[in-house]
Amino acid sequence: MKGWMDGSHKELLVTGSSHVSKPTGLAIDEQHDTLYYLDTYRHLVGYINIHTGHVQILIRDSSYIVNPFAVSVFKVITWTPNRIVM
């Protein structure tokens, strides 16, 4: 959902998507108008175009992405797991 800082002009970014269940670790890439997110339920890294609502999955791997909680975007996408699996 996006909207103005005062809570008005609310707009859903994604509706009825089978790709987004439990999004966490949100980061906005202003240059490309995308919202990157981590999904702890589906074990994936994805992004949403904030104008069209198009959802794209970047990485989906339950053995590699375990409980992600933080994501950042600056030329590359990085995320931090809640716990590290070795």
C-alpha atoms as a PDB file:
ATOM      1  CA  MET A   1       0.000   0.000   0.000  1.00  0.00           C
ATOM      2  CA  LYS A   2       1.216   3.487  -0.725  1.00  0.00           C
ATOM      3  CA  GLY A   3      -0.185   6.823   0.321  1.00  0.00           C
ATOM      4  CA  TRP A   4       0.593  10.277   1.543  1.00  0.00           C
ATOM      5  CA  MET A   5       2.366  10.882   4.858  1.00  0.00           C
ATOM      6  CA  ASP A   6      -0.893  12.015   6.503  1.00  0.00           C
ATOM      7  CA  GLY A   7      -2.531   8.660   5.685  1.00  0.00           C
ATOM      8  CA  SER A   8      -4.698   9.951   2.854  1.00  0.00           C
ATOM      9  CA  HIS A   9      -4.642   8.880  -0.808  1.00  0.00           C
ATOM     10  CA  LYS A  10      -4.102   5.196   0.027  1.00  0.00           C
ATOM     11  CA  GLU A  11      -3.468   2.850  -2.885  1.00  0.00           C
ATOM     12  CA  LEU A  12      -2.820  -0.908  -2.867  1.00  0.00           C
ATOM     13  CA  LEU A  13       0.357  -1.953  -4.671  1.00  0.00           C
ATOM     14  CA  VAL A  14      -0.497  -5.649  -4.975  1.00  0.00           C
ATOM     15  CA  THR A  15      -3.864  -7.386  -4.770  1.00  0.00           C
ATOM     16  CA  GLY A  16      -4.484 -11.119  -4.855  1.00  0.00           C
ATOM     17  CA  SER A  17      -0.849 -11.980  -5.494  1.00  0.00           C
ATOM     18  CA  SER A  18       0.271 -15.546  -4.972  1.00  0.00           C
ATOM     19  CA  HIS A  19       3.864 -14.268  -4.616  1.00  0.00           C
ATOM     20  CA  VAL A  20       3.487 -12.146  -1.476  1.00  0.00           C
ATOM     21  CA  SER A  21       2.509 -13.799   1.815  1.00  0.00           C
ATOM     22  CA  LYS A  22       4.500 -12.388   4.715  1.00  0.00           C
ATOM     23  CA  PRO A  23       6.595  -9.458   3.449  1.00  0.00           C
ATOM     24  CA  THR A  24       9.371  -8.099   5.651  1.00  0.00           C
ATOM     25  CA  GLY A  25      12.522  -6.063   5.118  1.00  0.00           C
ATOM     26  CA  LEU A  26      11.153  -3.474   2.718  1.00  0.00           C
ATOM     27  CA  ALA A  27      13.476  -1.208   0.678  1.00  0.00           C
ATOM     28  CA  ILE A  28      12.638   1.319  -2.039  1.00  0.00           C
ATOM     29  CA  ASP A  29      14.758   1.833  -5.148  1.00  0.00           C
ATOM     30  CA  GLU A  30      13.735   5.351  -6.211  1.00  0.00           C
ATOM     31  CA  GLN A  31      15.711   5.275  -9.459  1.00  0.00           C
ATOM     32  CA  HIS A  32      13.762   2.277 -10.762  1.00  0.00           C
ATOM     33  CA  ASP A  33      10.449   2.863  -8.911  1.00  0.00           C
ATOM     34  CA  THR A  34      10.574  -0.541  -7.257  1.00  0.00           C
ATOM     35  CA  LEU A  35       9.850  -1.816  -3.765  1.00  0.00           C
ATOM     36  CA  TYR A  36      12.055  -4.749  -2.775  1.00  0.00           C
ATOM     37  CA  TYR A  37      10.799  -7.120  -0.114  1.00  0.00           C
ATOM     38  CA  LEU A  38      11.681 -10.330   1.662  1.00  0.00           C
ATOM     39  CA  ASP A  39       9.029 -12.967   2.287  1.00  0.00           C
ATOM     40  CA  THR A  40       9.657 -15.100   5.372  1.00  0.00           C
ATOM     41  CA  TYR A  41       6.830 -17.523   4.572  1.00  0.00           C
ATOM     42  CA  ARG A  42       7.786 -18.236   0.956  1.00  0.00           C
ATOM     43  CA  HIS A  43      11.581 -17.847   1.489  1.00  0.00           C
ATOM     44  CA  LEU A  44      12.129 -15.410  -1.335  1.00  0.00           C
ATOM     45  CA  VAL A  45      13.452 -12.022  -2.398  1.00  0.00           C
ATOM     46  CA  GLY A  46      11.221 -10.120  -4.777  1.00  0.00           C
ATOM     47  CA  TYR A  47      10.260  -6.691  -5.972  1.00  0.00           C
ATOM     48  CA  ILE A  48       7.151  -4.795  -6.982  1.00  0.00           C
ATOM     49  CA  ASN A  49       6.933  -2.009  -9.536  1.00  0.00           C
ATOM     50  CA  ILE A  50       5.250   0.772  -7.563  1.00  0.00           C
ATOM     51  CA  HIS A  51       3.413   2.111 -10.638  1.00  0.00           C
ATOM     52  CA  THR A  52       2.163  -1.080 -12.278  1.00  0.00           C
ATOM     53  CA  GLY A  53       2.037  -3.472  -9.291  1.00  0.00           C
ATOM     54  CA  HIS A  54       3.942  -6.096 -11.292  1.00  0.00           C
ATOM     55  CA  VAL A  55       5.591  -8.613  -8.936  1.00  0.00           C
ATOM     56  CA  GLN A  56       8.903 -10.234  -9.862  1.00  0.00           C
ATOM     57  CA  ILE A  57      10.673 -12.973  -7.883  1.00  0.00           C
ATOM     58  CA  LEU A  58      14.467 -12.588  -7.792  1.00  0.00           C
ATOM     59  CA  ILE A  59      15.501 -15.527  -5.595  1.00  0.00           C
ATOM     60  CA  ARG A  60      13.425 -18.370  -4.178  1.00  0.00           C
ATOM     61  CA  ASP A  61      15.288 -20.961  -2.142  1.00  0.00           C
ATOM     62  CA  SER A  62      14.214 -22.208   1.276  1.00  0.00           C
ATOM     63  CA  SER A  63      17.692 -23.558   2.080  1.00  0.00           C
ATOM     64  CA  TYR A  64      19.434 -20.275   1.206  1.00  0.00           C
ATOM     65  CA  ILE A  65      16.926 -17.699   2.453  1.00  0.00           C
ATOM     66  CA  VAL A  66      16.076 -18.559   6.056  1.00  0.00           C
ATOM     67  CA  ASN A  67      13.998 -16.056   8.064  1.00  0.00           C
ATOM     68  CA  PRO A  68      15.151 -12.926   6.199  1.00  0.00           C
ATOM     69  CA  PHE A  69      14.427  -9.657   7.983  1.00  0.00           C
ATOM     70  CA  ALA A  70      16.455  -6.798   6.480  1.00  0.00           C
ATOM     71  CA  VAL A  71      17.083  -5.754   2.874  1.00  0.00           C
ATOM     72  CA  SER A  72      18.960  -2.846   1.332  1.00  0.00           C
ATOM     73  CA  VAL A  73      19.416  -1.603  -2.217  1.00  0.00           C
ATOM     74  CA  PHE A  74      22.415   0.392  -3.412  1.00  0.00           C
ATOM     75  CA  LYS A  75      23.645  -0.810  -6.801  1.00  0.00           C
ATOM     76  CA  VAL A  76      23.251  -4.374  -5.470  1.00  0.00           C
ATOM     77  CA  ILE A  77      20.596  -6.036  -3.322  1.00  0.00           C
ATOM     78  CA  THR A  78      21.698  -7.407   0.039  1.00  0.00           C
ATOM     79  CA  TRP A  79      19.680  -9.035   2.801  1.00  0.00           C
ATOM     80  CA  THR A  80      20.309 -10.283   6.298  1.00  0.00           C
ATOM     81  CA  PRO A  81      18.985 -13.549   7.708  1.00  0.00           C
ATOM     82  CA  ASN A  82      17.478 -13.748  11.163  1.00  0.00           C
ATOM     83  CA  ARG A  83      19.686 -16.771  11.735  1.00  0.00           C
ATOM     84  CA  ILE A  84      22.530 -18.209   9.715  1.00  0.00           C
ATOM     85  CA  VAL A  85      22.320 -21.847   8.613  1.00  0.00           C
ATOM     86  CA  MET A  86      25.634 -23.668   8.270  1.00  0.00           C
END
